[in-house]
Amino acid sequence: MEKILVSDAGGQSSRIAYIYDALSARSPLSRPRFRLLSDGTRCAVAAEGEPDGQIGGALRDIVAETLAIGCKYARLSSCLALERLTLRERKLFLCALIAADLPAEKKYIRSRLRGESCALDGFAAFRMGGLREKWDRIVSFVPPDFTREEMEHFMRYFVDGNAGRVYLRGGRVYDEDYRLCRRGRLVGAEAPGELAAETEILLCGAAEVHVCRPLSGPAVDFLRRYYGARTVFDGGEGICGQAGKKTKIPRENG
């Protein structure tokens, strides 16, 4: 039996909470084999499974995702002032920068996850030097007077290179397997007023957005500006599909 422990500094950690929730969404509810632990100074997710089995593989994939998104956002947001962009534009641009290399950077991190335990804070400090150097090069490529027009050009270029689709329902985003997406939590975007839908769409690397409910406000402008004809509006609350095929999106659990 494989036993894996993923820990982080502090009695509470948003990264550990994200890992636990993401693992819960992927695992059969009838056989939970993981739990949250805390001793007041560190917290952790402990998981058990067969060697190289479903639980262990899913956990390592989620850990790689957590570090690739959270650490890169922290690095870029602390180094890029982007003074000619609004706060909203700045967050969208940073999310697109993260998502552009996310598959490759997740693969890099996952290849370096070895052994039966991982300390997120220690791994980020001592085993991600290559990625930090890469992120610093990205920072050097963005000029201090980076403009809105340059940002929008990059955003469209990014969307044009994407593949796959997501489903937008009531301000929440679901991936192609109809799982609720919560990657925005890793960049401080959870509630609808905090660009939750827009950041989720970008961090999923979506090429198409299927809208399951009428939209209004900033999300409409975001889709019109960056996705255009790649936005598919579908009739019927909670029903999405293409070419006559309908798929029911699961109800939110809270």
Protein backbone atom coordinates (compact mmCIF):
# COMPACT_ATOMS: atom_id res chain seq x y z
CA MET A 1 0.00 0.00 0.00
CA GLU A 2 1.38 3.38 -1.03
CA LYS A 3 1.14 6.15 1.57
CA ILE A 4 1.59 9.77 0.47
CA LEU A 5 1.75 12.85 2.68
CA VAL A 6 1.59 16.36 1.20
CA SER A 7 2.17 19.13 3.76
CA ASP A 8 2.54 22.90 3.91
CA ALA A 9 3.51 25.49 6.50
CA GLY A 10 0.84 26.82 8.85
CA GLY A 11 -2.11 25.33 10.65
CA GLN A 12 -4.20 26.24 7.61
CA SER A 13 -3.02 26.43 4.02
CA SER A 14 -5.05 27.50 0.99
CA ARG A 15 -2.86 25.21 -1.11
CA ILE A 16 -3.61 22.16 1.04
CA ALA A 17 -7.32 23.07 1.03
CA TYR A 18 -7.26 23.25 -2.77
CA ILE A 19 -5.49 19.88 -3.05
CA TYR A 20 -7.96 18.23 -0.68
CA ASP A 21 -11.01 19.61 -2.50
CA ALA A 22 -9.61 18.75 -5.94
CA LEU A 23 -8.75 15.22 -4.82
CA SER A 24 -12.23 14.82 -3.31
CA ALA A 25 -13.79 15.78 -6.66
CA ARG A 26 -11.77 13.13 -8.50
CA SER A 27 -12.17 10.26 -6.05
CA PRO A 28 -15.09 7.84 -5.51
CA LEU A 29 -17.17 9.07 -2.59
CA SER A 30 -17.85 5.50 -1.49
CA ARG A 31 -14.18 4.79 -0.73
CA PRO A 32 -12.40 7.90 0.59
CA ARG A 33 -8.74 7.09 1.23
CA PHE A 34 -7.39 10.48 2.17
CA ARG A 35 -7.75 12.89 5.09
CA LEU A 36 -6.74 16.32 6.35
CA LEU A 37 -4.22 16.65 9.19
CA SER A 38 -2.96 19.61 11.21
CA ASP A 39 -0.78 20.08 14.28
CA GLY A 40 -1.13 23.86 14.44
CA THR A 41 2.18 24.57 12.70
CA ARG A 42 1.76 22.47 9.55
CA CYS A 43 -1.20 20.95 7.75
CA ALA A 44 -1.32 18.08 5.30
CA VAL A 45 -3.29 15.75 3.07
CA ALA A 46 -2.59 12.07 3.74
CA ALA A 47 -3.58 9.58 1.04
CA GLU A 48 -3.34 5.82 0.62
CA GLY A 49 -3.55 3.78 -2.55
CA GLU A 50 -1.98 1.10 -4.66
CA PRO A 51 1.53 1.96 -5.99
CA ASP A 52 1.13 4.17 -9.07
CA GLY A 53 -2.60 3.78 -8.63
CA GLN A 54 -5.48 6.20 -9.16
CA ILE A 55 -5.26 8.06 -5.85
CA GLY A 56 -1.49 8.54 -5.90
CA GLY A 57 -1.45 9.59 -9.54
CA ALA A 58 -4.30 12.05 -9.06
CA LEU A 59 -2.68 13.53 -5.96
CA ARG A 60 0.67 14.11 -7.69
CA ASP A 61 -1.09 15.70 -10.66
CA ILE A 62 -3.01 18.08 -8.36
CA VAL A 63 0.16 18.95 -6.43
CA ALA A 64 1.91 19.80 -9.71
CA GLU A 65 -1.04 21.95 -10.76
CA THR A 66 -1.12 23.73 -7.39
CA LEU A 67 2.56 24.64 -7.51
CA ALA A 68 2.62 25.53 -11.20
CA ILE A 69 -0.28 27.97 -10.88
CA GLY A 70 0.17 29.33 -7.36
CA CYS A 71 3.95 29.80 -7.39
CA LYS A 72 4.01 31.30 -10.88
CA TYR A 73 1.24 33.74 -10.05
CA ALA A 74 3.05 34.84 -6.89
CA ARG A 75 6.28 35.33 -8.83
CA LEU A 76 4.78 37.23 -11.76
CA SER A 77 2.44 39.38 -9.69
CA SER A 78 5.30 40.50 -7.43
CA CYS A 79 7.60 41.35 -10.36
CA LEU A 80 5.27 42.82 -13.00
CA ALA A 81 3.78 46.19 -12.09
CA LEU A 82 1.83 46.54 -15.38
CA GLU A 83 0.88 50.09 -14.40
CA ARG A 84 -0.93 50.84 -17.66
CA LEU A 85 -3.41 48.02 -17.10
CA THR A 86 -6.40 48.02 -14.78
CA LEU A 87 -6.41 45.53 -11.90
CA ARG A 88 -8.87 43.39 -13.86
CA GLU A 89 -6.73 43.42 -17.02
CA ARG A 90 -3.63 42.68 -14.98
CA LYS A 91 -5.15 39.56 -13.42
CA LEU A 92 -6.43 38.28 -16.77
CA PHE A 93 -3.03 38.82 -18.39
CA LEU A 94 -1.20 37.01 -15.58
CA CYS A 95 -3.63 34.08 -15.79
CA ALA A 96 -3.04 33.81 -19.53
CA LEU A 97 0.74 33.86 -18.97
CA ILE A 98 0.34 31.03 -16.48
CA ALA A 99 -1.97 28.95 -18.65
CA ALA A 100 0.18 29.30 -21.77
CA ASP A 101 2.85 26.99 -20.30
CA LEU A 102 0.78 25.13 -17.72
CA PRO A 103 0.84 21.61 -19.27
CA ALA A 104 4.63 21.65 -19.70
CA GLU A 105 5.29 23.15 -16.28
CA LYS A 106 2.98 20.65 -14.57
CA LYS A 107 4.88 17.85 -16.32
CA TYR A 108 8.21 19.31 -15.14
CA ILE A 109 7.05 19.51 -11.52
CA ARG A 110 5.44 16.08 -11.56
CA SER A 111 8.66 14.50 -12.82
CA ARG A 112 10.43 15.88 -9.76
CA LEU A 113 7.87 14.63 -7.24
CA ARG A 114 9.54 11.57 -5.76
CA GLY A 115 9.14 9.54 -2.61
CA GLU A 116 6.23 9.15 -0.26
CA SER A 117 5.89 12.74 0.93
CA CYS A 118 6.16 16.29 -0.31
CA ALA A 119 6.44 19.56 1.61
CA LEU A 120 4.98 22.21 -0.67
CA ASP A 121 6.97 25.06 0.86
CA GLY A 122 10.24 23.12 0.72
CA PHE A 123 9.64 21.85 -2.81
CA ALA A 124 8.87 25.37 -4.05
CA ALA A 125 12.02 26.76 -2.40
CA PHE A 126 14.53 24.07 -3.42
CA ARG A 127 13.25 22.07 -6.39
CA MET A 128 11.75 24.68 -8.69
CA GLY A 129 14.84 26.74 -9.47
CA GLY A 130 14.62 26.01 -13.18
CA LEU A 131 11.06 27.28 -13.38
CA ARG A 132 11.85 30.40 -11.35
CA GLU A 133 14.63 31.24 -13.83
CA LYS A 134 12.18 30.75 -16.70
CA TRP A 135 9.59 32.98 -15.01
CA ASP A 136 12.21 35.67 -14.47
CA ARG A 137 12.98 35.57 -18.21
CA ILE A 138 9.29 36.07 -18.92
CA VAL A 139 9.31 39.11 -16.62
CA SER A 140 12.29 40.53 -18.54
CA PHE A 141 10.35 40.25 -21.83
CA VAL A 142 7.44 42.39 -20.60
CA PRO A 143 8.32 46.10 -20.93
CA PRO A 144 7.52 48.53 -18.10
CA ASP A 145 5.14 50.46 -20.39
CA PHE A 146 3.23 47.35 -21.51
CA THR A 147 -0.06 48.60 -22.95
CA ARG A 148 -3.66 47.39 -23.06
CA GLU A 149 -3.37 46.91 -26.82
CA GLU A 150 -0.33 44.66 -26.37
CA MET A 151 -2.13 42.74 -23.65
CA GLU A 152 -5.19 42.17 -25.83
CA HIS A 153 -3.02 41.03 -28.75
CA PHE A 154 -1.36 38.45 -26.49
CA MET A 155 -4.71 37.29 -25.10
CA ARG A 156 -6.11 36.61 -28.58
CA TYR A 157 -2.90 34.86 -29.60
CA PHE A 158 -3.17 32.71 -26.48
CA VAL A 159 -6.82 31.77 -27.11
CA ASP A 160 -6.10 30.93 -30.76
CA GLY A 161 -3.52 28.36 -29.64
CA ASN A 162 -5.82 26.60 -27.17
CA ALA A 163 -7.73 23.35 -27.51
CA GLY A 164 -10.76 21.88 -25.78
CA ARG A 165 -13.82 23.45 -24.26
CA VAL A 166 -15.35 24.50 -20.97
CA TYR A 167 -18.94 25.00 -19.86
CA LEU A 168 -20.06 28.20 -18.14
CA ARG A 169 -23.15 27.92 -15.97
CA GLY A 170 -24.31 30.49 -13.46
CA GLY A 171 -20.85 32.02 -13.02
CA ARG A 172 -19.21 28.61 -12.53
CA VAL A 173 -16.96 26.83 -15.01
CA TYR A 174 -16.88 23.09 -15.72
CA ASP A 175 -14.22 21.25 -17.69
CA GLU A 176 -14.77 18.77 -20.54
CA ASP A 177 -15.44 16.01 -18.00
CA TYR A 178 -18.08 18.26 -16.35
CA ARG A 179 -16.06 18.71 -13.18
CA LEU A 180 -16.31 22.04 -11.37
CA CYS A 181 -13.12 24.07 -11.95
CA ARG A 182 -11.60 25.90 -8.98
CA ARG A 183 -8.11 26.79 -10.17
CA GLY A 184 -8.93 30.46 -9.65
CA ARG A 185 -8.60 29.86 -5.90
CA LEU A 186 -4.84 29.55 -6.46
CA VAL A 187 -4.69 33.13 -7.78
CA GLY A 188 -7.15 34.64 -5.29
CA ALA A 189 -10.24 34.57 -7.53
CA GLU A 190 -13.16 32.66 -6.02
CA ALA A 191 -16.33 34.74 -5.94
CA PRO A 192 -18.05 35.99 -9.14
CA GLY A 193 -17.03 39.55 -8.27
CA GLU A 194 -13.38 38.47 -8.26
CA LEU A 195 -13.23 37.39 -11.92
CA ALA A 196 -13.84 33.77 -10.98
CA ALA A 197 -15.38 32.72 -14.31
CA GLU A 198 -12.88 34.59 -16.47
CA THR A 199 -9.85 33.27 -14.61
CA GLU A 200 -11.18 29.70 -14.68
CA ILE A 201 -11.74 29.86 -18.43
CA LEU A 202 -8.18 31.10 -18.97
CA LEU A 203 -6.53 28.68 -16.54
CA CYS A 204 -8.34 25.78 -18.25
CA GLY A 205 -6.72 26.78 -21.55
CA ALA A 206 -10.11 26.69 -23.26
CA ALA A 207 -10.58 27.21 -26.98
CA GLU A 208 -14.38 27.20 -26.75
CA VAL A 209 -16.79 28.38 -24.07
CA HIS A 210 -20.27 26.87 -24.02
CA VAL A 211 -22.61 29.17 -22.12
CA CYS A 212 -25.51 27.48 -20.34
CA ARG A 213 -27.26 30.53 -18.89
CA PRO A 214 -27.80 34.11 -20.04
CA LEU A 215 -24.85 36.35 -19.19
CA SER A 216 -24.46 39.98 -18.24
CA GLY A 217 -21.74 42.30 -17.03
CA PRO A 218 -17.96 41.86 -17.35
CA ALA A 219 -18.14 38.19 -18.43
CA VAL A 220 -20.00 39.23 -21.60
CA ASP A 221 -17.29 41.76 -22.48
CA PHE A 222 -14.59 39.18 -21.74
CA LEU A 223 -16.13 36.57 -24.05
CA ARG A 224 -16.91 39.05 -26.80
CA ARG A 225 -13.42 40.54 -26.69
CA TYR A 226 -11.32 37.38 -26.52
CA TYR A 227 -13.47 34.43 -27.62
CA GLY A 228 -15.92 35.92 -30.13
CA ALA A 229 -17.26 33.14 -32.37
CA ARG A 230 -15.66 30.59 -30.03
CA THR A 231 -18.50 31.29 -27.59
CA VAL A 232 -21.43 28.90 -28.03
CA PHE A 233 -24.75 29.94 -26.52
CA ASP A 234 -27.19 27.12 -25.84
CA GLY A 235 -30.89 27.21 -25.03
CA GLY A 236 -32.18 25.66 -21.84
CA GLU A 237 -30.96 26.20 -18.32
CA GLY A 238 -28.21 23.77 -17.43
CA ILE A 239 -28.16 22.15 -20.89
CA CYS A 240 -25.16 22.45 -23.17
CA GLY A 241 -24.14 20.73 -26.33
CA GLN A 242 -23.19 20.99 -29.97
CA ALA A 243 -24.75 19.74 -33.21
CA GLY A 244 -27.92 18.71 -31.44
CA LYS A 245 -26.20 16.66 -28.74
CA LYS A 246 -27.28 17.76 -25.28
CA THR A 247 -25.36 17.21 -22.07
CA LYS A 248 -26.67 18.00 -18.61
CA ILE A 249 -24.22 19.92 -16.44
CA PRO A 250 -24.26 18.69 -12.81
CA ARG A 251 -25.80 20.89 -10.14
CA GLU A 252 -23.51 22.87 -7.90
CA ASN A 253 -23.00 21.46 -4.41
CA GLY A 254 -22.68 24.82 -2.73
